Amino acid sequence: MSEKKVPSTPLPATTVLLLRPKNPDDASSPVEVFMVVRHHKIDSFSGALVFPGGKLENADADPRLRARCTGADGIPDAELAFRVAGIREAFEECGFLLAMKRGATALIGATELKPIEDRWREKLAKDYASIVDMVEAEDLVLAVDCMTPFAHWITPAMVPKRFDTWFFVASAPVDQVALHDGSESVDSVWIEPLLGVAEADAGKRTMVFPTRQNVLMLGEARTVAEAIAQAKARRIVDVL
């Protein structure tokens, strides 16, 4: 008689849907989302079109970060760690940093970001440094209140490698330029959600089921503001 296999514990992970208007000068123009193509040698979703994201790290839950997060009051510690991880992953994977200098009221612009990126992006990606190291050294405040919960997916128990993934939507900083990292991801694109699904259905792109379903849900909104408003109004349910 075979021994009953115990399901593996899902790894906590975060995914970020970075949004912008198709016409940068017109906030009412159709919403676009930033997506990357996973490297074919990556064991999870290799070659697929996905949102930036990844597993949580211990430092994402460091209690010192709460004082360096905007709008963190009322956000439970567990959720705050997912939001911090999303900001870190977006920075590592595509060079967007949802943060500001302490005392500032606007997100960091491209000019301020470049030296921070040069000093920290590779170190964070290779685990030579943590998000705490960067935030304290650069005197930053993480804009966790810019991240709105969008969906929550958990890999089914029968799958060997499982993830407990929170999806967040955020408006991409207007004065920053996204670029895939060239290692975990080998290409990137700004794309209208329903166009991305259509291209996947036509065989032009690879899109796994969770990504496809969340892109379809995003496609219900016409603009960035509408997408964020819909996410704020939505009751998040766990999808297995």
Protein backbone atom coordinates (compact mmCIF):
# COMPACT_ATOMS: atom_id res chain seq x y z
CA MET A 1 0.00 0.00 0.00
CA SER A 2 1.51 3.31 -1.07
CA GLU A 3 2.11 6.03 1.50
CA LYS A 4 -0.16 9.05 1.19
CA LYS A 5 1.81 12.04 -0.08
CA VAL A 6 1.63 15.17 2.07
CA PRO A 7 1.10 18.37 0.02
CA SER A 8 4.07 20.73 -0.02
CA THR A 9 3.78 24.08 1.72
CA PRO A 10 3.18 26.93 -0.76
CA LEU A 11 6.00 29.46 -1.02
CA PRO A 12 4.81 33.03 -0.44
CA ALA A 13 5.24 35.15 -3.57
CA THR A 14 4.21 38.51 -4.98
CA THR A 15 3.34 39.65 -8.49
CA VAL A 16 2.98 43.26 -9.63
CA LEU A 17 0.81 44.57 -12.46
CA LEU A 18 2.46 47.88 -13.39
CA LEU A 19 0.03 50.03 -15.37
CA ARG A 20 0.27 53.08 -17.60
CA PRO A 21 -2.01 54.85 -20.12
CA LYS A 22 -1.25 53.91 -23.72
CA ASN A 23 -0.90 57.62 -24.48
CA PRO A 24 1.31 59.10 -21.73
CA ASP A 25 -0.29 62.51 -22.23
CA ASP A 26 -3.85 61.23 -21.94
CA ALA A 27 -4.89 59.52 -18.70
CA SER A 28 -8.17 58.46 -20.34
CA SER A 29 -6.38 56.40 -23.01
CA PRO A 30 -6.46 52.56 -22.81
CA VAL A 31 -4.56 50.88 -20.01
CA GLU A 32 -1.33 49.00 -20.76
CA VAL A 33 0.41 46.56 -18.44
CA PHE A 34 4.12 45.80 -18.24
CA MET A 35 4.99 42.13 -18.79
CA VAL A 36 8.23 40.19 -19.15
CA VAL A 37 9.18 36.97 -20.93
CA ARG A 38 10.72 34.43 -18.57
CA HIS A 39 14.07 32.90 -19.48
CA HIS A 40 13.64 29.42 -20.96
CA LYS A 41 16.02 27.96 -18.34
CA ILE A 42 13.94 29.20 -15.39
CA ASP A 43 12.08 26.27 -13.82
CA SER A 44 8.85 28.19 -13.21
CA PHE A 45 6.88 29.44 -16.24
CA SER A 46 9.91 29.24 -18.56
CA GLY A 47 9.39 31.18 -21.78
CA ALA A 48 6.03 32.54 -20.62
CA LEU A 49 4.77 36.10 -20.67
CA VAL A 50 4.31 37.03 -17.00
CA PHE A 51 4.13 39.97 -14.62
CA PRO A 52 7.25 40.91 -12.63
CA GLY A 53 7.36 39.12 -9.30
CA GLY A 54 8.92 36.40 -7.22
CA LYS A 55 9.26 34.73 -3.83
CA LEU A 56 9.33 36.66 -0.57
CA GLU A 57 12.66 37.02 1.20
CA ASN A 58 13.15 37.16 4.97
CA ALA A 59 14.17 40.82 4.80
CA ASP A 60 10.84 41.76 3.20
CA ALA A 61 9.25 41.17 6.61
CA ASP A 62 11.92 43.03 8.59
CA PRO A 63 10.09 45.09 11.26
CA ARG A 64 12.40 48.06 10.62
CA LEU A 65 10.74 48.57 7.25
CA ARG A 66 7.32 49.53 8.65
CA ALA A 67 8.62 52.97 9.64
CA ARG A 68 9.91 53.37 6.09
CA CYS A 69 6.63 52.59 4.32
CA THR A 70 4.01 55.16 3.34
CA GLY A 71 0.46 54.44 4.44
CA ALA A 72 1.46 51.31 6.36
CA ASP A 73 -0.89 52.02 9.26
CA GLY A 74 -3.62 49.40 9.30
CA ILE A 75 -1.78 47.02 6.96
CA PRO A 76 -1.08 43.71 8.75
CA ASP A 77 2.56 42.62 8.97
CA ALA A 78 2.01 39.66 6.63
CA GLU A 79 0.41 41.79 3.92
CA LEU A 80 3.05 44.50 4.32
CA ALA A 81 5.77 41.92 3.59
CA PHE A 82 4.01 40.96 0.35
CA ARG A 83 3.84 44.63 -0.68
CA VAL A 84 7.50 45.22 0.16
CA ALA A 85 8.43 42.11 -1.82
CA GLY A 86 6.48 43.43 -4.80
CA ILE A 87 8.37 46.73 -4.74
CA ARG A 88 11.68 44.89 -4.45
CA GLU A 89 10.86 42.46 -7.27
CA ALA A 90 9.70 45.27 -9.58
CA PHE A 91 13.02 47.02 -8.97
CA GLU A 92 15.10 43.89 -9.47
CA GLU A 93 13.27 42.63 -12.56
CA CYS A 94 12.40 45.79 -14.47
CA GLY A 95 14.09 48.78 -12.81
CA PHE A 96 10.94 50.44 -11.46
CA LEU A 97 11.23 51.69 -7.88
CA LEU A 98 8.06 52.67 -6.02
CA ALA A 99 9.87 54.73 -3.42
CA MET A 100 10.76 58.28 -2.50
CA LYS A 101 13.47 60.03 -0.55
CA ARG A 102 12.46 60.53 3.07
CA GLY A 103 10.70 63.86 3.38
CA ALA A 104 9.78 64.00 -0.33
CA THR A 105 6.20 63.89 -1.61
CA ALA A 106 6.84 62.44 -5.07
CA LEU A 107 8.29 59.15 -6.24
CA ILE A 108 11.92 59.12 -7.26
CA GLY A 109 12.52 60.34 -10.81
CA ALA A 110 14.83 58.87 -13.43
CA THR A 111 17.77 61.13 -12.55
CA GLU A 112 17.70 60.18 -8.86
CA LEU A 113 17.02 56.55 -9.64
CA LYS A 114 20.01 55.87 -11.91
CA PRO A 115 22.74 55.95 -9.22
CA ILE A 116 20.54 53.95 -6.84
CA GLU A 117 20.01 51.37 -9.57
CA ASP A 118 23.75 51.22 -10.29
CA ARG A 119 24.55 50.65 -6.64
CA TRP A 120 21.79 48.23 -5.67
CA ARG A 121 19.85 46.51 -8.45
CA GLU A 122 22.38 43.78 -9.15
CA LYS A 123 23.20 43.34 -5.45
CA LEU A 124 19.55 42.75 -4.62
CA ALA A 125 19.03 40.41 -7.56
CA LYS A 126 22.04 38.30 -6.55
CA ASP A 127 21.21 38.41 -2.81
CA TYR A 128 24.39 40.31 -2.00
CA ALA A 129 22.22 42.85 -0.16
CA SER A 130 18.67 43.13 1.16
CA ILE A 131 15.90 45.64 0.68
CA VAL A 132 16.61 46.84 4.23
CA ASP A 133 20.23 47.59 3.31
CA MET A 134 19.18 49.69 0.32
CA VAL A 135 16.36 51.55 2.04
CA GLU A 136 18.51 52.53 5.01
CA ALA A 137 21.62 53.43 3.01
CA GLU A 138 19.67 55.58 0.52
CA ASP A 139 17.27 56.99 3.15
CA LEU A 140 14.21 55.83 1.19
CA VAL A 141 10.53 55.41 1.98
CA LEU A 142 8.71 52.58 0.17
CA ALA A 143 5.38 53.59 -1.39
CA VAL A 144 3.45 50.51 -0.30
CA ASP A 145 0.21 52.51 -0.43
CA CYS A 146 0.64 52.71 -4.22
CA MET A 147 0.11 48.93 -4.39
CA THR A 148 -3.52 47.81 -4.46
CA PRO A 149 -4.40 44.13 -3.86
CA PHE A 150 -5.75 42.64 -7.10
CA ALA A 151 -5.95 38.85 -6.67
CA HIS A 152 -4.75 35.94 -4.54
CA TRP A 153 -3.83 32.59 -6.12
CA ILE A 154 -2.57 29.43 -4.42
CA THR A 155 -1.13 26.50 -6.40
CA PRO A 156 -3.23 23.30 -5.98
CA ALA A 157 -2.03 20.66 -3.51
CA MET A 158 -1.25 18.06 -6.18
CA VAL A 159 1.48 20.24 -7.75
CA PRO A 160 5.01 19.54 -6.38
CA LYS A 161 6.17 23.18 -6.38
CA ARG A 162 3.50 25.45 -4.94
CA PHE A 163 3.14 29.22 -4.53
CA ASP A 164 0.90 31.40 -2.39
CA THR A 165 0.86 34.49 -4.61
CA TRP A 166 -0.63 37.92 -4.06
CA PHE A 167 -1.16 40.08 -7.14
CA PHE A 168 -1.05 43.87 -6.82
CA VAL A 169 -1.79 46.67 -9.29
CA ALA A 170 0.19 49.90 -9.29
CA SER A 171 0.46 52.91 -11.54
CA ALA A 172 3.96 52.90 -13.03
CA PRO A 173 6.08 55.95 -12.11
CA VAL A 174 5.88 58.32 -15.08
CA ASP A 175 9.50 59.46 -14.86
CA GLN A 176 11.06 55.99 -14.78
CA VAL A 177 11.84 53.59 -17.62
CA ALA A 178 11.19 49.86 -17.30
CA LEU A 179 13.63 47.32 -18.71
CA HIS A 180 13.79 43.55 -18.16
CA ASP A 181 16.83 42.27 -16.28
CA GLY A 182 18.23 40.05 -19.05
CA SER A 183 18.66 37.05 -16.74
CA GLU A 184 15.34 35.86 -15.26
CA SER A 185 13.54 37.68 -18.06
CA VAL A 186 14.77 38.03 -21.64
CA ASP A 187 12.22 40.40 -23.14
CA SER A 188 9.53 42.84 -22.03
CA VAL A 189 6.51 44.61 -23.45
CA TRP A 190 3.87 47.18 -22.60
CA ILE A 191 0.64 45.70 -23.89
CA GLU A 192 -3.11 46.20 -23.70
CA PRO A 193 -4.50 43.30 -21.64
CA LEU A 194 -6.97 41.89 -24.15
CA LEU A 195 -4.40 42.17 -26.95
CA GLY A 196 -2.02 40.07 -24.86
CA VAL A 197 -4.67 37.38 -24.42
CA ALA A 198 -5.52 37.46 -28.14
CA GLU A 199 -1.86 37.02 -29.08
CA ALA A 200 -1.55 34.11 -26.63
CA ASP A 201 -4.67 32.47 -28.05
CA ALA A 202 -3.20 32.89 -31.54
CA GLY A 203 0.00 31.13 -30.49
CA LYS A 204 2.16 34.25 -30.73
CA ARG A 205 2.89 34.25 -27.00
CA THR A 206 2.93 31.77 -24.13
CA MET A 207 0.69 32.65 -21.20
CA VAL A 208 0.00 30.30 -18.28
CA PHE A 209 -3.51 29.98 -16.88
CA PRO A 210 -3.21 32.21 -13.76
CA THR A 211 -1.60 34.98 -15.81
CA ARG A 212 -4.25 34.71 -18.51
CA GLN A 213 -7.11 34.92 -16.03
CA ASN A 214 -5.68 37.97 -14.31
CA VAL A 215 -4.95 39.68 -17.63
CA LEU A 216 -8.57 39.04 -18.61
CA MET A 217 -9.76 40.57 -15.34
CA LEU A 218 -7.51 43.58 -15.88
CA GLY A 219 -8.98 43.90 -19.38
CA GLU A 220 -12.36 44.74 -17.84
CA ALA A 221 -10.99 48.22 -17.11
CA ARG A 222 -10.55 50.86 -19.78
CA THR A 223 -8.06 53.11 -17.99
CA VAL A 224 -5.41 52.96 -15.26
CA ALA A 225 -7.67 54.80 -12.82
CA GLU A 226 -10.55 52.44 -13.55
CA ALA A 227 -8.36 49.36 -13.08
CA ILE A 228 -7.17 50.57 -9.67
CA ALA A 229 -10.69 51.61 -8.63
CA GLN A 230 -12.06 48.19 -9.60
CA ALA A 231 -9.31 46.47 -7.58
CA LYS A 232 -10.08 48.60 -4.51
CA ALA A 233 -13.78 47.77 -4.79
CA ARG A 234 -13.26 44.05 -5.44
CA ARG A 235 -13.58 41.44 -2.73
CA ILE A 236 -10.40 39.40 -3.00
CA VAL A 237 -11.08 35.66 -2.90
CA ASP A 238 -8.54 32.84 -2.68
CA VAL A 239 -8.23 31.01 -6.01
CA LEU A 240 -6.80 27.49 -5.76
